[in-house]
Amino acid sequence: MISTENEVISVRLRKGTREKLKNLGINPSDEVRKFLEELVWKKDVRNTIDKLELMIRQYSKPSETGFAVKSIREDRDDGH
């Protein structure tokens, strides 16, 4: 769901940068908005992944030694 409410931030650029962006056909407001929204999305995803990794470490137990070899051997013997 996209919010209809907006917030305003201000960015200072070196002299001449805004004119150069204009000459290149780049809308700085759009670019800054896209960059910041993507940055927030990436950070949210990273935080979610970190939480999931923590849960996996907390709630999963390692397989017993030799489990993978035994499992593969059983699958081969059963014709899977």
C-alpha atoms as a PDB file:
ATOM      1  CA  MET A   1       0.000   0.000   0.000  1.00  0.00           C
ATOM      2  CA  ILE A   2       1.470   3.340  -1.000  1.00  0.00           C
ATOM      3  CA  SER A   3       1.133   6.143   1.497  1.00  0.00           C
ATOM      4  CA  THR A   4      -0.561   9.327   0.298  1.00  0.00           C
ATOM      5  CA  GLU A   5       1.151  11.335   3.023  1.00  0.00           C
ATOM      6  CA  ASN A   6       4.506  12.930   2.280  1.00  0.00           C
ATOM      7  CA  GLU A   7       7.419  14.241   4.259  1.00  0.00           C
ATOM      8  CA  VAL A   8       9.896  16.829   3.064  1.00  0.00           C
ATOM      9  CA  ILE A   9      13.672  16.715   3.351  1.00  0.00           C
ATOM     10  CA  SER A  10      16.203  19.212   2.087  1.00  0.00           C
ATOM     11  CA  VAL A  11      19.514  18.397   0.412  1.00  0.00           C
ATOM     12  CA  ARG A  12      22.352  20.794  -0.275  1.00  0.00           C
ATOM     13  CA  LEU A  13      24.374  20.287  -3.452  1.00  0.00           C
ATOM     14  CA  ARG A  14      27.635  21.786  -4.563  1.00  0.00           C
ATOM     15  CA  LYS A  15      27.208  24.846  -6.709  1.00  0.00           C
ATOM     16  CA  GLY A  16      26.480  23.925 -10.316  1.00  0.00           C
ATOM     17  CA  THR A  17      25.352  20.362  -9.619  1.00  0.00           C
ATOM     18  CA  ARG A  18      21.655  21.133  -9.951  1.00  0.00           C
ATOM     19  CA  GLU A  19      22.231  22.848 -13.307  1.00  0.00           C
ATOM     20  CA  LYS A  20      24.286  19.879 -14.541  1.00  0.00           C
ATOM     21  CA  LEU A  21      21.536  17.486 -13.516  1.00  0.00           C
ATOM     22  CA  LYS A  22      18.981  19.630 -15.329  1.00  0.00           C
ATOM     23  CA  ASN A  23      21.143  19.648 -18.477  1.00  0.00           C
ATOM     24  CA  LEU A  24      21.364  15.854 -18.291  1.00  0.00           C
ATOM     25  CA  GLY A  25      17.579  15.570 -18.015  1.00  0.00           C
ATOM     26  CA  ILE A  26      17.768  14.216 -14.472  1.00  0.00           C
ATOM     27  CA  ASN A  27      15.163  15.211 -11.910  1.00  0.00           C
ATOM     28  CA  PRO A  28      17.090  15.279  -8.623  1.00  0.00           C
ATOM     29  CA  SER A  29      13.961  15.044  -6.490  1.00  0.00           C
ATOM     30  CA  ASP A  30      12.857  11.859  -8.260  1.00  0.00           C
ATOM     31  CA  GLU A  31      16.331  10.326  -8.061  1.00  0.00           C
ATOM     32  CA  VAL A  32      16.802  11.117  -4.369  1.00  0.00           C
ATOM     33  CA  ARG A  33      13.305   9.799  -3.603  1.00  0.00           C
ATOM     34  CA  LYS A  34      13.932   6.543  -5.494  1.00  0.00           C
ATOM     35  CA  PHE A  35      17.340   6.079  -3.896  1.00  0.00           C
ATOM     36  CA  LEU A  36      16.080   6.595  -0.342  1.00  0.00           C
ATOM     37  CA  GLU A  37      13.019   4.387  -0.816  1.00  0.00           C
ATOM     38  CA  GLU A  38      15.211   1.602  -2.237  1.00  0.00           C
ATOM     39  CA  LEU A  39      17.674   2.042   0.632  1.00  0.00           C
ATOM     40  CA  VAL A  40      14.872   1.626   3.179  1.00  0.00           C
ATOM     41  CA  TRP A  41      13.611  -1.479   1.333  1.00  0.00           C
ATOM     42  CA  LYS A  42      17.108  -3.030   1.302  1.00  0.00           C
ATOM     43  CA  LYS A  43      17.625  -2.338   5.000  1.00  0.00           C
ATOM     44  CA  ASP A  44      14.205  -3.836   5.832  1.00  0.00           C
ATOM     45  CA  VAL A  45      15.042  -6.958   3.821  1.00  0.00           C
ATOM     46  CA  ARG A  46      18.466  -7.246   5.509  1.00  0.00           C
ATOM     47  CA  ASN A  47      16.865  -6.923   8.965  1.00  0.00           C
ATOM     48  CA  THR A  48      14.298  -9.600   8.109  1.00  0.00           C
ATOM     49  CA  ILE A  49      17.002 -11.957   6.850  1.00  0.00           C
ATOM     50  CA  ASP A  50      19.067 -11.356   9.995  1.00  0.00           C
ATOM     51  CA  LYS A  51      16.054 -12.193  12.180  1.00  0.00           C
ATOM     52  CA  LEU A  52      15.349 -15.363  10.183  1.00  0.00           C
ATOM     53  CA  GLU A  53      18.978 -16.468  10.425  1.00  0.00           C
ATOM     54  CA  LEU A  54      18.876 -15.927  14.178  1.00  0.00           C
ATOM     55  CA  MET A  55      15.686 -17.988  14.465  1.00  0.00           C
ATOM     56  CA  ILE A  56      17.230 -20.782  12.392  1.00  0.00           C
ATOM     57  CA  ARG A  57      20.290 -20.854  14.666  1.00  0.00           C
ATOM     58  CA  GLN A  58      18.131 -20.792  17.796  1.00  0.00           C
ATOM     59  CA  TYR A  59      15.548 -23.398  16.817  1.00  0.00           C
ATOM     60  CA  SER A  60      17.308 -25.835  14.512  1.00  0.00           C
ATOM     61  CA  LYS A  61      19.674 -28.539  15.581  1.00  0.00           C
ATOM     62  CA  PRO A  62      22.533 -29.915  13.526  1.00  0.00           C
ATOM     63  CA  SER A  63      22.074 -33.253  11.810  1.00  0.00           C
ATOM     64  CA  GLU A  64      23.787 -36.238  13.333  1.00  0.00           C
ATOM     65  CA  THR A  65      27.181 -37.146  11.896  1.00  0.00           C
ATOM     66  CA  GLY A  66      26.819 -39.284   8.787  1.00  0.00           C
ATOM     67  CA  PHE A  67      23.144 -38.402   8.234  1.00  0.00           C
ATOM     68  CA  ALA A  68      23.657 -37.071   4.692  1.00  0.00           C
ATOM     69  CA  VAL A  69      25.640 -40.124   3.563  1.00  0.00           C
ATOM     70  CA  LYS A  70      23.080 -42.470   5.113  1.00  0.00           C
ATOM     71  CA  SER A  71      20.161 -40.575   3.554  1.00  0.00           C
ATOM     72  CA  ILE A  72      21.700 -40.560   0.064  1.00  0.00           C
ATOM     73  CA  ARG A  73      22.533 -44.255   0.328  1.00  0.00           C
ATOM     74  CA  GLU A  74      18.934 -45.056   1.375  1.00  0.00           C
ATOM     75  CA  ASP A  75      17.527 -43.036  -1.548  1.00  0.00           C
ATOM     76  CA  ARG A  76      19.790 -44.821  -4.022  1.00  0.00           C
ATOM     77  CA  ASP A  77      18.889 -48.219  -2.597  1.00  0.00           C
ATOM     78  CA  ASP A  78      15.165 -47.421  -2.789  1.00  0.00           C
ATOM     79  CA  GLY A  79      15.493 -46.349  -6.433  1.00  0.00           C
ATOM     80  CA  HIS A  80      14.656 -42.632  -5.942  1.00  0.00           C
END
